[in-house]
Amino acid sequence: MSKQSEQKSVSEKMNELSKLVAWFEGDDFELEQALDTYGKAEQLATEIEHDLVNLKNEITVLKEKFDT
């Protein structure tokens, strides 16, 4: 995971991923760039999944603190 990606919020990463997905559906699609763009999208999706798991864990811990 790059330092720049780590500093982005989940929302920012989701927006970036949406733009990459839209590129595949757009008029600018070029087969030569598809593999690189797919790789970037896959990396972002992995980062988002990791971030969401971390957030879920933090929420669970906070919830347990408030429930006690």
PDB file of N, CA and C in Angstrom:
ATOM      1  N   MET A   1       0.850  -1.170   0.000  1.00  0.00           N
ATOM      2  CA  MET A   1       0.000   0.000   0.000  1.00  0.00           C
ATOM      3  C   MET A   1       0.896   1.234   0.000  1.00  0.00           C
ATOM      4  N   SER A   2       0.632   2.164  -0.875  1.00  0.00           N
ATOM      5  CA  SER A   2       1.460   3.364  -0.946  1.00  0.00           C
ATOM      6  C   SER A   2       1.088   4.335   0.165  1.00  0.00           C
ATOM      7  N   LYS A   3       2.064   5.171   0.543  1.00  0.00           N
ATOM      8  CA  LYS A   3       1.794   6.156   1.591  1.00  0.00           C
ATOM      9  C   LYS A   3       0.676   7.100   1.187  1.00  0.00           C
ATOM     10  N   GLN A   4       0.645   7.469  -0.101  1.00  0.00           N
ATOM     11  CA  GLN A   4      -0.392   8.382  -0.577  1.00  0.00           C
ATOM     12  C   GLN A   4      -1.773   7.752  -0.405  1.00  0.00           C
ATOM     13  N   SER A   5      -1.909   6.461  -0.722  1.00  0.00           N
ATOM     14  CA  SER A   5      -3.193   5.785  -0.574  1.00  0.00           C
ATOM     15  C   SER A   5      -3.594   5.666   0.878  1.00  0.00           C
ATOM     16  N   GLU A   6      -2.604   5.442   1.772  1.00  0.00           N
ATOM     17  CA  GLU A   6      -2.906   5.314   3.186  1.00  0.00           C
ATOM     18  C   GLU A   6      -3.482   6.601   3.750  1.00  0.00           C
ATOM     19  N   GLN A   7      -3.148   7.732   3.183  1.00  0.00           N
ATOM     20  CA  GLN A   7      -3.606   9.015   3.681  1.00  0.00           C
ATOM     21  C   GLN A   7      -4.993   9.374   3.161  1.00  0.00           C
ATOM     22  N   LYS A   8      -5.471   8.669   2.178  1.00  0.00           N
ATOM     23  CA  LYS A   8      -6.786   8.953   1.620  1.00  0.00           C
ATOM     24  C   LYS A   8      -7.861   8.292   2.479  1.00  0.00           C
ATOM     25  N   SER A   9      -9.006   8.949   2.553  1.00  0.00           N
ATOM     26  CA  SER A   9     -10.134   8.365   3.268  1.00  0.00           C
ATOM     27  C   SER A   9     -10.771   7.274   2.412  1.00  0.00           C
ATOM     28  N   VAL A  10     -11.590   6.462   3.049  1.00  0.00           N
ATOM     29  CA  VAL A  10     -12.299   5.416   2.319  1.00  0.00           C
ATOM     30  C   VAL A  10     -13.153   6.050   1.231  1.00  0.00           C
ATOM     31  N   SER A  11     -13.775   7.159   1.549  1.00  0.00           N
ATOM     32  CA  SER A  11     -14.626   7.853   0.575  1.00  0.00           C
ATOM     33  C   SER A  11     -13.815   8.307  -0.645  1.00  0.00           C
ATOM     34  N   GLU A  12     -12.642   8.841  -0.405  1.00  0.00           N
ATOM     35  CA  GLU A  12     -11.787   9.276  -1.518  1.00  0.00           C
ATOM     36  C   GLU A  12     -11.357   8.087  -2.374  1.00  0.00           C
ATOM     37  N   LYS A  13     -11.026   6.993  -1.713  1.00  0.00           N
ATOM     38  CA  LYS A  13     -10.643   5.786  -2.451  1.00  0.00           C
ATOM     39  C   LYS A  13     -11.816   5.245  -3.257  1.00  0.00           C
ATOM     40  N   MET A  14     -13.008   5.286  -2.682  1.00  0.00           N
ATOM     41  CA  MET A  14     -14.207   4.818  -3.400  1.00  0.00           C
ATOM     42  C   MET A  14     -14.461   5.678  -4.636  1.00  0.00           C
ATOM     43  N   ASN A  15     -14.293   6.981  -4.489  1.00  0.00           N
ATOM     44  CA  ASN A  15     -14.476   7.879  -5.634  1.00  0.00           C
ATOM     45  C   ASN A  15     -13.454   7.579  -6.728  1.00  0.00           C
ATOM     46  N   GLU A  16     -12.209   7.351  -6.323  1.00  0.00           N
ATOM     47  CA  GLU A  16     -11.160   7.031  -7.291  1.00  0.00           C
ATOM     48  C   GLU A  16     -11.460   5.707  -7.988  1.00  0.00           C
ATOM     49  N   LEU A  17     -11.911   4.719  -7.231  1.00  0.00           N
ATOM     50  CA  LEU A  17     -12.273   3.426  -7.806  1.00  0.00           C
ATOM     51  C   LEU A  17     -13.437   3.581  -8.778  1.00  0.00           C
ATOM     52  N   SER A  18     -14.408   4.381  -8.429  1.00  0.00           N
ATOM     53  CA  SER A  18     -15.549   4.626  -9.325  1.00  0.00           C
ATOM     54  C   SER A  18     -15.099   5.232 -10.645  1.00  0.00           C
ATOM     55  N   LYS A  19     -14.137   6.144 -10.578  1.00  0.00           N
ATOM     56  CA  LYS A  19     -13.612   6.759 -11.801  1.00  0.00           C
ATOM     57  C   LYS A  19     -12.897   5.730 -12.672  1.00  0.00           C
ATOM     58  N   LEU A  20     -12.152   4.831 -12.024  1.00  0.00           N
ATOM     59  CA  LEU A  20     -11.458   3.793 -12.790  1.00  0.00           C
ATOM     60  C   LEU A  20     -12.460   2.849 -13.452  1.00  0.00           C
ATOM     61  N   VAL A  21     -13.494   2.475 -12.714  1.00  0.00           N
ATOM     62  CA  VAL A  21     -14.524   1.596 -13.280  1.00  0.00           C
ATOM     63  C   VAL A  21     -15.238   2.294 -14.430  1.00  0.00           C
ATOM     64  N   ALA A  22     -15.538   3.572 -14.263  1.00  0.00           N
ATOM     65  CA  ALA A  22     -16.208   4.333 -15.323  1.00  0.00           C
ATOM     66  C   ALA A  22     -15.338   4.414 -16.570  1.00  0.00           C
ATOM     67  N   TRP A  23     -14.022   4.451 -16.380  1.00  0.00           N
ATOM     68  CA  TRP A  23     -13.109   4.508 -17.525  1.00  0.00           C
ATOM     69  C   TRP A  23     -13.316   3.299 -18.432  1.00  0.00           C
ATOM     70  N   PHE A  24     -13.542   2.120 -17.833  1.00  0.00           N
ATOM     71  CA  PHE A  24     -13.760   0.910 -18.621  1.00  0.00           C
ATOM     72  C   PHE A  24     -15.036   1.012 -19.456  1.00  0.00           C
ATOM     73  N   GLU A  25     -15.996   1.772 -18.977  1.00  0.00           N
ATOM     74  CA  GLU A  25     -17.273   1.907 -19.663  1.00  0.00           C
ATOM     75  C   GLU A  25     -17.308   3.113 -20.592  1.00  0.00           C
ATOM     76  N   GLY A  26     -16.280   3.937 -20.553  1.00  0.00           N
ATOM     77  CA  GLY A  26     -16.273   5.182 -21.306  1.00  0.00           C
ATOM     78  C   GLY A  26     -15.681   5.070 -22.699  1.00  0.00           C
ATOM     79  N   ASP A  27     -15.712   6.178 -23.378  1.00  0.00           N
ATOM     80  CA  ASP A  27     -15.203   6.265 -24.742  1.00  0.00           C
ATOM     81  C   ASP A  27     -13.678   6.295 -24.801  1.00  0.00           C
ATOM     82  N   ASP A  28     -13.024   6.599 -23.679  1.00  0.00           N
ATOM     83  CA  ASP A  28     -11.568   6.695 -23.645  1.00  0.00           C
ATOM     84  C   ASP A  28     -10.890   5.340 -23.453  1.00  0.00           C
ATOM     85  N   PHE A  29     -11.678   4.285 -23.352  1.00  0.00           N
ATOM     86  CA  PHE A  29     -11.125   2.952 -23.108  1.00  0.00           C
ATOM     87  C   PHE A  29     -10.129   2.576 -24.196  1.00  0.00           C
ATOM     88  N   GLU A  30      -8.940   2.161 -23.764  1.00  0.00           N
ATOM     89  CA  GLU A  30      -7.921   1.657 -24.685  1.00  0.00           C
ATOM     90  C   GLU A  30      -7.416   0.338 -24.129  1.00  0.00           C
ATOM     91  N   LEU A  31      -7.401  -0.658 -24.967  1.00  0.00           N
ATOM     92  CA  LEU A  31      -7.001  -1.988 -24.549  1.00  0.00           C
ATOM     93  C   LEU A  31      -5.604  -1.989 -23.933  1.00  0.00           C
ATOM     94  N   GLU A  32      -4.714  -1.174 -24.472  1.00  0.00           N
ATOM     95  CA  GLU A  32      -3.336  -1.131 -23.985  1.00  0.00           C
ATOM     96  C   GLU A  32      -3.250  -0.648 -22.537  1.00  0.00           C
ATOM     97  N   GLN A  33      -4.171   0.187 -22.119  1.00  0.00           N
ATOM     98  CA  GLN A  33      -4.170   0.721 -20.758  1.00  0.00           C
ATOM     99  C   GLN A  33      -5.028  -0.110 -19.800  1.00  0.00           C
ATOM    100  N   ALA A  34      -5.787  -1.030 -20.332  1.00  0.00           N
ATOM    101  CA  ALA A  34      -6.754  -1.765 -19.529  1.00  0.00           C
ATOM    102  C   ALA A  34      -6.088  -2.560 -18.397  1.00  0.00           C
ATOM    103  N   LEU A  35      -5.003  -3.221 -18.674  1.00  0.00           N
ATOM    104  CA  LEU A  35      -4.352  -4.034 -17.648  1.00  0.00           C
ATOM    105  C   LEU A  35      -3.829  -3.174 -16.509  1.00  0.00           C
ATOM    106  N   ASP A  36      -3.203  -2.059 -16.840  1.00  0.00           N
ATOM    107  CA  ASP A  36      -2.689  -1.143 -15.826  1.00  0.00           C
ATOM    108  C   ASP A  36      -3.834  -0.562 -14.995  1.00  0.00           C
ATOM    109  N   THR A  37      -4.890  -0.136 -15.661  1.00  0.00           N
ATOM    110  CA  THR A  37      -6.043   0.437 -14.962  1.00  0.00           C
ATOM    111  C   THR A  37      -6.718  -0.605 -14.088  1.00  0.00           C
ATOM    112  N   TYR A  38      -6.816  -1.822 -14.587  1.00  0.00           N
ATOM    113  CA  TYR A  38      -7.404  -2.904 -13.794  1.00  0.00           C
ATOM    114  C   TYR A  38      -6.570  -3.149 -12.542  1.00  0.00           C
ATOM    115  N   GLY A  39      -5.256  -3.151 -12.692  1.00  0.00           N
ATOM    116  CA  GLY A  39      -4.370  -3.348 -11.545  1.00  0.00           C
ATOM    117  C   GLY A  39      -4.554  -2.271 -10.489  1.00  0.00           C
ATOM    118  N   LYS A  40      -4.679  -1.026 -10.936  1.00  0.00           N
ATOM    119  CA  LYS A  40      -4.909   0.078  -9.998  1.00  0.00           C
ATOM    120  C   LYS A  40      -6.248  -0.094  -9.287  1.00  0.00           C
ATOM    121  N   ALA A  41      -7.270  -0.474 -10.046  1.00  0.00           N
ATOM    122  CA  ALA A  41      -8.606  -0.668  -9.470  1.00  0.00           C
ATOM    123  C   ALA A  41      -8.592  -1.815  -8.467  1.00  0.00           C
ATOM    124  N   GLU A  42      -7.909  -2.884  -8.799  1.00  0.00           N
ATOM    125  CA  GLU A  42      -7.830  -4.031  -7.901  1.00  0.00           C
ATOM    126  C   GLU A  42      -7.113  -3.655  -6.602  1.00  0.00           C
ATOM    127  N   GLN A  43      -6.026  -2.896  -6.706  1.00  0.00           N
ATOM    128  CA  GLN A  43      -5.284  -2.447  -5.525  1.00  0.00           C
ATOM    129  C   GLN A  43      -6.163  -1.552  -4.636  1.00  0.00           C
ATOM    130  N   LEU A  44      -6.881  -0.633  -5.266  1.00  0.00           N
ATOM    131  CA  LEU A  44      -7.780   0.246  -4.506  1.00  0.00           C
ATOM    132  C   LEU A  44      -8.865  -0.563  -3.800  1.00  0.00           C
ATOM    133  N   ALA A  45      -9.432  -1.533  -4.492  1.00  0.00           N
ATOM    134  CA  ALA A  45     -10.479  -2.359  -3.897  1.00  0.00           C
ATOM    135  C   ALA A  45      -9.939  -3.112  -2.682  1.00  0.00           C
ATOM    136  N   THR A  46      -8.714  -3.606  -2.781  1.00  0.00           N
ATOM    137  CA  THR A  46      -8.082  -4.297  -1.661  1.00  0.00           C
ATOM    138  C   THR A  46      -7.864  -3.349  -0.495  1.00  0.00           C
ATOM    139  N   GLU A  47      -7.382  -2.152  -0.782  1.00  0.00           N
ATOM    140  CA  GLU A  47      -7.168  -1.149   0.268  1.00  0.00           C
ATOM    141  C   GLU A  47      -8.479  -0.766   0.942  1.00  0.00           C
ATOM    142  N   ILE A  48      -9.521  -0.590   0.147  1.00  0.00           N
ATOM    143  CA  ILE A  48     -10.835  -0.222   0.693  1.00  0.00           C
ATOM    144  C   ILE A  48     -11.344  -1.334   1.603  1.00  0.00           C
ATOM    145  N   GLU A  49     -11.219  -2.565   1.152  1.00  0.00           N
ATOM    146  CA  GLU A  49     -11.660  -3.698   1.966  1.00  0.00           C
ATOM    147  C   GLU A  49     -10.892  -3.725   3.292  1.00  0.00           C
ATOM    148  N   HIS A  50      -9.591  -3.529   3.236  1.00  0.00           N
ATOM    149  CA  HIS A  50      -8.758  -3.503   4.450  1.00  0.00           C
ATOM    150  C   HIS A  50      -9.194  -2.369   5.374  1.00  0.00           C
ATOM    151  N   ASP A  51      -9.398  -1.189   4.811  1.00  0.00           N
ATOM    152  CA  ASP A  51      -9.831  -0.031   5.608  1.00  0.00           C
ATOM    153  C   ASP A  51     -11.180  -0.299   6.283  1.00  0.00           C
ATOM    154  N   LEU A  52     -12.101  -0.905   5.555  1.00  0.00           N
ATOM    155  CA  LEU A  52     -13.431  -1.175   6.107  1.00  0.00           C
ATOM    156  C   LEU A  52     -13.366  -2.197   7.237  1.00  0.00           C
ATOM    157  N   VAL A  53     -12.520  -3.200   7.088  1.00  0.00           N
ATOM    158  CA  VAL A  53     -12.346  -4.182   8.160  1.00  0.00           C
ATOM    159  C   VAL A  53     -11.796  -3.488   9.402  1.00  0.00           C
ATOM    160  N   ASN A  54     -10.812  -2.621   9.217  1.00  0.00           N
ATOM    161  CA  ASN A  54     -10.243  -1.883  10.351  1.00  0.00           C
ATOM    162  C   ASN A  54     -11.291  -0.996  11.023  1.00  0.00           C
ATOM    163  N   LEU A  55     -12.085  -0.310  10.210  1.00  0.00           N
ATOM    164  CA  LEU A  55     -13.140   0.537  10.767  1.00  0.00           C
ATOM    165  C   LEU A  55     -14.173  -0.289  11.529  1.00  0.00           C
ATOM    166  N   LYS A  56     -14.531  -1.436  10.979  1.00  0.00           N
ATOM    167  CA  LYS A  56     -15.498  -2.311  11.655  1.00  0.00           C
ATOM    168  C   LYS A  56     -14.942  -2.751  13.004  1.00  0.00           C
ATOM    169  N   ASN A  57     -13.654  -3.095  13.035  1.00  0.00           N
ATOM    170  CA  ASN A  57     -13.036  -3.508  14.297  1.00  0.00           C
ATOM    171  C   ASN A  57     -13.040  -2.369  15.311  1.00  0.00           C
ATOM    172  N   GLU A  58     -12.733  -1.173  14.870  1.00  0.00           N
ATOM    173  CA  GLU A  58     -12.744  -0.008  15.763  1.00  0.00           C
ATOM    174  C   GLU A  58     -14.144   0.255  16.303  1.00  0.00           C
ATOM    175  N   ILE A  59     -15.132   0.130  15.446  1.00  0.00           N
ATOM    176  CA  ILE A  59     -16.525   0.344  15.863  1.00  0.00           C
ATOM    177  C   ILE A  59     -16.943  -0.718  16.871  1.00  0.00           C
ATOM    178  N   THR A  60     -16.525  -1.955  16.640  1.00  0.00           N
ATOM    179  CA  THR A  60     -16.846  -3.041  17.567  1.00  0.00           C
ATOM    180  C   THR A  60     -16.246  -2.771  18.935  1.00  0.00           C
ATOM    181  N   VAL A  61     -15.001  -2.336  18.959  1.00  0.00           N
ATOM    182  CA  VAL A  61     -14.334  -2.023  20.233  1.00  0.00           C
ATOM    183  C   VAL A  61     -15.054  -0.890  20.937  1.00  0.00           C
ATOM    184  N   LEU A  62     -15.392   0.170  20.218  1.00  0.00           N
ATOM    185  CA  LEU A  62     -16.113   1.301  20.821  1.00  0.00           C
ATOM    186  C   LEU A  62     -17.477   0.870  21.346  1.00  0.00           C
ATOM    187  N   LYS A  63     -18.166   0.060  20.574  1.00  0.00           N
ATOM    188  CA  LYS A  63     -19.482  -0.424  20.992  1.00  0.00           C
ATOM    189  C   LYS A  63     -19.373  -1.225  22.283  1.00  0.00           C
ATOM    190  N   GLU A  64     -18.360  -2.077  22.352  1.00  0.00           N
ATOM    191  CA  GLU A  64     -18.168  -2.885  23.563  1.00  0.00           C
ATOM    192  C   GLU A  64     -17.887  -1.986  24.759  1.00  0.00           C
ATOM    193  N   LYS A  65     -17.139  -0.912  24.570  1.00  0.00           N
ATOM    194  CA  LYS A  65     -16.856   0.025  25.671  1.00  0.00           C
ATOM    195  C   LYS A  65     -18.133   0.684  26.164  1.00  0.00           C
ATOM    196  N   PHE A  66     -19.012   1.048  25.241  1.00  0.00           N
ATOM    197  CA  PHE A  66     -20.245   1.720  25.629  1.00  0.00           C
ATOM    198  C   PHE A  66     -21.269   0.747  26.220  1.00  0.00           C
ATOM    199  N   ASP A  67     -21.170  -0.510  25.831  1.00  0.00           N
ATOM    200  CA  ASP A  67     -22.123  -1.500  26.344  1.00  0.00           C
ATOM    201  C   ASP A  67     -21.791  -1.940  27.770  1.00  0.00           C
ATOM    202  N   THR A  68     -20.583  -1.667  28.227  1.00  0.00           N
ATOM    203  CA  THR A  68     -20.214  -2.104  29.573  1.00  0.00           C
ATOM    204  C   THR A  68     -20.534  -1.081  30.620  1.00  0.00           C
TER     205      THR A  68
END
